């Protein structure tokens, strides 16, 4: 058996392993970053927004105005504030 051939085979195996190591490390890093992002997005979607709990529908505002709980000026300001997110999403 030729000792040169035996040594060459093991170095080729090491070179093959090293050539695969970098892509595998890159793939592992990608998976970790994707997992962190997905976890953050899920957590954010599960947490209710503080803005949504303090808003009124237009129907509620009209009812409050008709009951005398809001003046016309207060109703118009509240209506404009309630419609502002809709106007921003249309742009």
N, C-alpha and C. Protein backbone atom coordinates (compact mmCIF):
# COMPACT_ATOMS: atom_id res chain seq x y z
N UNK A 1 0.84 -1.16 0.00
CA UNK A 1 0.00 0.00 0.00
C UNK A 1 0.89 1.24 0.00
N UNK A 2 0.54 2.17 -0.80
CA UNK A 2 1.34 3.37 -0.97
C UNK A 2 0.95 4.38 0.13
N UNK A 3 1.88 4.84 0.99
CA UNK A 3 1.55 5.76 2.07
C UNK A 3 1.07 7.12 1.57
N UNK A 4 1.44 7.52 0.39
CA UNK A 4 1.00 8.81 -0.14
C UNK A 4 -0.50 8.80 -0.41
N UNK A 5 -1.01 7.69 -0.95
CA UNK A 5 -2.44 7.58 -1.24
C UNK A 5 -3.28 7.55 0.04
N UNK A 6 -2.78 6.89 1.08
CA UNK A 6 -3.51 6.81 2.35
C UNK A 6 -3.64 8.20 2.97
N UNK A 7 -2.58 8.97 2.98
CA UNK A 7 -2.60 10.31 3.54
C UNK A 7 -3.48 11.25 2.73
N UNK A 8 -3.53 11.09 1.44
CA UNK A 8 -4.31 11.96 0.57
C UNK A 8 -5.80 11.80 0.82
N UNK A 9 -6.24 10.59 1.07
CA UNK A 9 -7.66 10.34 1.29
C UNK A 9 -8.18 11.02 2.54
N UNK A 10 -7.42 11.01 3.61
CA UNK A 10 -7.86 11.64 4.84
C UNK A 10 -7.86 13.17 4.72
N UNK A 11 -6.92 13.73 3.98
CA UNK A 11 -6.91 15.18 3.81
C UNK A 11 -8.05 15.62 2.90
N UNK A 12 -8.43 14.79 1.95
CA UNK A 12 -9.58 15.12 1.11
C UNK A 12 -10.86 15.10 1.92
N UNK A 13 -10.97 14.16 2.85
CA UNK A 13 -12.14 14.12 3.72
C UNK A 13 -12.19 15.35 4.60
N UNK A 14 -11.05 15.78 5.11
CA UNK A 14 -11.00 16.97 5.95
C UNK A 14 -11.35 18.21 5.13
N UNK A 15 -10.84 18.28 3.89
CA UNK A 15 -11.17 19.41 3.03
C UNK A 15 -12.67 19.44 2.70
N UNK A 16 -13.26 18.26 2.47
CA UNK A 16 -14.69 18.18 2.20
C UNK A 16 -15.52 18.64 3.39
N UNK A 17 -15.08 18.25 4.59
CA UNK A 17 -15.78 18.68 5.81
C UNK A 17 -15.68 20.18 5.99
N UNK A 18 -14.49 20.73 5.80
CA UNK A 18 -14.30 22.17 5.96
C UNK A 18 -15.06 22.97 4.92
N UNK A 19 -15.16 22.43 3.70
CA UNK A 19 -15.90 23.15 2.67
C UNK A 19 -17.41 23.15 2.96
N UNK A 20 -17.89 22.20 3.73
CA UNK A 20 -19.30 22.15 4.10
C UNK A 20 -19.59 22.87 5.41
N UNK A 21 -18.55 23.12 6.20
CA UNK A 21 -18.74 23.72 7.52
C UNK A 21 -19.30 25.15 7.43
N UNK A 22 -18.77 25.97 6.56
CA UNK A 22 -19.23 27.36 6.46
C UNK A 22 -20.69 27.45 6.02
N UNK A 23 -21.12 26.74 4.97
CA UNK A 23 -22.55 26.81 4.62
C UNK A 23 -23.46 26.29 5.75
N UNK A 24 -23.01 25.26 6.46
CA UNK A 24 -23.82 24.74 7.56
C UNK A 24 -23.92 25.74 8.70
N UNK A 25 -22.83 26.42 9.00
CA UNK A 25 -22.87 27.46 10.03
C UNK A 25 -23.77 28.62 9.60
N UNK A 26 -23.71 28.99 8.34
CA UNK A 26 -24.58 30.04 7.82
C UNK A 26 -26.05 29.65 7.91
N UNK A 27 -26.35 28.42 7.57
CA UNK A 27 -27.72 27.93 7.65
C UNK A 27 -28.20 27.90 9.10
N UNK A 28 -27.34 27.48 10.00
CA UNK A 28 -27.70 27.47 11.42
C UNK A 28 -27.97 28.87 11.94
N UNK A 29 -27.15 29.82 11.55
CA UNK A 29 -27.35 31.22 11.96
C UNK A 29 -28.67 31.75 11.40
N UNK A 30 -28.96 31.42 10.16
CA UNK A 30 -30.22 31.85 9.54
C UNK A 30 -31.42 31.30 10.30
N UNK A 31 -31.37 30.04 10.67
CA UNK A 31 -32.48 29.41 11.40
C UNK A 31 -32.67 30.08 12.76
N UNK A 32 -31.59 30.38 13.45
CA UNK A 32 -31.70 31.02 14.77
C UNK A 32 -32.30 32.42 14.64
N UNK A 33 -31.84 33.21 13.68
CA UNK A 33 -32.36 34.56 13.49
C UNK A 33 -33.84 34.51 13.08
N UNK A 34 -34.20 33.59 12.20
CA UNK A 34 -35.60 33.46 11.78
C UNK A 34 -36.47 33.07 12.97
N UNK A 35 -36.00 32.19 13.81
CA UNK A 35 -36.77 31.77 14.98
C UNK A 35 -36.99 32.94 15.93
N UNK A 36 -35.96 33.76 16.13
CA UNK A 36 -36.09 34.93 17.00
C UNK A 36 -37.11 35.91 16.43
N UNK A 37 -37.04 36.17 15.14
CA UNK A 37 -37.98 37.09 14.51
C UNK A 37 -39.41 36.59 14.58
N UNK A 38 -39.62 35.32 14.31
CA UNK A 38 -40.97 34.75 14.35
C UNK A 38 -41.53 34.80 15.76
N UNK A 39 -40.70 34.51 16.75
CA UNK A 39 -41.14 34.58 18.15
C UNK A 39 -41.53 36.01 18.52
N UNK A 40 -40.74 36.98 18.09
CA UNK A 40 -41.04 38.38 18.40
C UNK A 40 -42.35 38.82 17.74
N UNK A 41 -42.56 38.43 16.49
CA UNK A 41 -43.79 38.81 15.78
C UNK A 41 -45.00 38.16 16.44
N UNK A 42 -44.90 36.88 16.80
CA UNK A 42 -46.02 36.21 17.47
C UNK A 42 -46.35 36.88 18.80
N UNK A 43 -45.34 37.22 19.55
CA UNK A 43 -45.56 37.86 20.85
C UNK A 43 -46.22 39.22 20.65
N UNK A 44 -45.80 39.94 19.64
CA UNK A 44 -46.38 41.26 19.37
C UNK A 44 -47.83 41.16 18.93
N UNK A 45 -48.15 40.15 18.12
CA UNK A 45 -49.52 39.97 17.66
C UNK A 45 -50.45 39.53 18.79
N UNK A 46 -49.95 38.80 19.76
CA UNK A 46 -50.78 38.34 20.87
C UNK A 46 -51.07 39.44 21.87
N UNK A 47 -50.19 40.44 21.98
CA UNK A 47 -50.36 41.52 22.94
C UNK A 47 -51.36 42.53 22.39
N UNK A 48 -52.45 42.78 23.12
CA UNK A 48 -53.43 43.75 22.62
C UNK A 48 -52.86 45.17 22.69
N UNK A 49 -53.25 45.95 21.74
CA UNK A 49 -52.79 47.33 21.66
C UNK A 49 -53.52 48.17 22.70
N UNK A 50 -52.82 49.07 23.34
CA UNK A 50 -53.45 49.94 24.34
C UNK A 50 -54.38 50.95 23.67
N UNK A 51 -54.15 51.28 22.41
CA UNK A 51 -55.00 52.23 21.71
C UNK A 51 -56.39 51.67 21.46
N UNK A 52 -56.48 50.37 21.15
CA UNK A 52 -57.77 49.80 20.79
C UNK A 52 -58.73 49.75 21.96
N UNK A 53 -58.24 49.71 23.19
CA UNK A 53 -59.13 49.62 24.34
C UNK A 53 -59.77 50.97 24.67
N UNK A 54 -59.19 52.07 24.20
CA UNK A 54 -59.70 53.40 24.54
C UNK A 54 -60.45 54.05 23.40
N UNK A 55 -60.74 53.34 22.35
CA UNK A 55 -61.42 53.94 21.21
C UNK A 55 -62.91 53.65 21.25
N UNK A 56 -63.64 54.50 20.58
CA UNK A 56 -65.08 54.35 20.46
C UNK A 56 -65.42 54.20 18.99
N UNK A 57 -66.49 53.49 18.71
CA UNK A 57 -66.95 53.41 17.34
C UNK A 57 -67.76 54.67 17.04
N UNK A 58 -67.98 54.93 15.78
CA UNK A 58 -68.79 56.09 15.40
C UNK A 58 -70.21 55.96 15.93
N UNK A 59 -70.71 54.73 15.98
CA UNK A 59 -72.05 54.49 16.54
C UNK A 59 -72.09 54.91 18.01
N UNK A 60 -71.05 54.56 18.77
CA UNK A 60 -70.98 54.95 20.18
C UNK A 60 -70.94 56.47 20.32
N UNK A 61 -70.16 57.11 19.46
CA UNK A 61 -70.05 58.57 19.53
C UNK A 61 -71.38 59.25 19.20
N UNK A 62 -72.07 58.73 18.20
CA UNK A 62 -73.39 59.30 17.85
C UNK A 62 -74.37 59.13 19.01
N UNK A 63 -74.34 57.97 19.63
CA UNK A 63 -75.24 57.71 20.76
C UNK A 63 -74.92 58.65 21.92
N UNK A 64 -73.66 58.88 22.18
CA UNK A 64 -73.27 59.78 23.27
C UNK A 64 -73.69 61.22 22.97
N UNK A 65 -73.60 61.61 21.69
CA UNK A 65 -74.03 62.96 21.32
C UNK A 65 -75.54 63.09 21.45
N UNK A 66 -76.28 62.07 21.02
CA UNK A 66 -77.75 62.15 21.09
C UNK A 66 -78.24 62.11 22.54
N UNK A 67 -77.48 61.51 23.44
CA UNK A 67 -77.85 61.47 24.86
C UNK A 67 -77.42 62.74 25.59
N UNK A 68 -76.68 63.60 24.91
CA UNK A 68 -76.23 64.84 25.52
C UNK A 68 -74.93 64.70 26.30
N UNK A 69 -74.28 63.56 26.17
CA UNK A 69 -73.01 63.36 26.86
C UNK A 69 -71.86 64.08 26.17
N UNK A 70 -72.02 64.36 24.87
CA UNK A 70 -71.01 65.08 24.08
C UNK A 70 -71.65 66.27 23.41
N UNK A 71 -70.91 67.37 23.36
CA UNK A 71 -71.37 68.51 22.57
C UNK A 71 -71.06 68.22 21.10
N UNK A 72 -71.61 69.04 20.21
CA UNK A 72 -71.32 68.86 18.79
C UNK A 72 -69.83 69.02 18.50
N UNK A 73 -69.20 69.97 19.17
CA UNK A 73 -67.77 70.20 18.97
C UNK A 73 -66.95 68.99 19.44
N UNK A 74 -67.29 68.44 20.61
CA UNK A 74 -66.58 67.26 21.12
C UNK A 74 -66.80 66.06 20.20
N UNK A 75 -68.03 65.94 19.69
CA UNK A 75 -68.33 64.83 18.78
C UNK A 75 -67.47 64.92 17.52
N UNK A 76 -67.38 66.12 16.94
CA UNK A 76 -66.60 66.30 15.71
C UNK A 76 -65.12 66.00 15.94
N UNK A 77 -64.58 66.45 17.09
CA UNK A 77 -63.17 66.16 17.39
C UNK A 77 -62.94 64.66 17.56
N UNK A 78 -63.84 64.02 18.29
CA UNK A 78 -63.70 62.57 18.52
C UNK A 78 -63.88 61.81 17.22
N UNK A 79 -64.81 62.24 16.37
CA UNK A 79 -65.02 61.59 15.08
C UNK A 79 -63.78 61.71 14.21
N UNK A 80 -63.18 62.90 14.20
CA UNK A 80 -61.96 63.09 13.41
C UNK A 80 -60.82 62.22 13.93
N UNK A 81 -60.70 62.09 15.24
CA UNK A 81 -59.66 61.24 15.81
C UNK A 81 -59.90 59.77 15.49
N UNK A 82 -61.17 59.36 15.51
CA UNK A 82 -61.50 57.97 15.21
C UNK A 82 -61.26 57.65 13.74
N UNK A 83 -61.46 58.62 12.87
CA UNK A 83 -61.29 58.39 11.44
C UNK A 83 -59.84 58.57 10.98
N UNK A 84 -58.98 59.15 11.81
CA UNK A 84 -57.59 59.41 11.41
C UNK A 84 -56.83 58.14 11.02
N UNK A 85 -56.91 57.03 11.76
CA UNK A 85 -56.19 55.83 11.32
C UNK A 85 -56.67 55.30 9.97
N UNK A 86 -57.95 55.46 9.70
CA UNK A 86 -58.49 55.01 8.41
C UNK A 86 -57.93 55.86 7.28
N UNK A 87 -57.83 57.14 7.52
CA UNK A 87 -57.29 58.05 6.50
C UNK A 87 -55.81 57.75 6.23
N UNK A 88 -55.06 57.44 7.28
CA UNK A 88 -53.63 57.14 7.12
C UNK A 88 -53.42 55.84 6.37
N UNK A 89 -54.28 54.85 6.59
CA UNK A 89 -54.11 53.56 5.91
C UNK A 89 -54.48 53.65 4.43
N UNK A 90 -55.29 54.62 4.05
CA UNK A 90 -55.67 54.79 2.64
C UNK A 90 -54.54 55.39 1.82
N UNK A 91 -53.60 56.06 2.47
CA UNK A 91 -52.50 56.72 1.73
C UNK A 91 -51.49 55.77 1.24
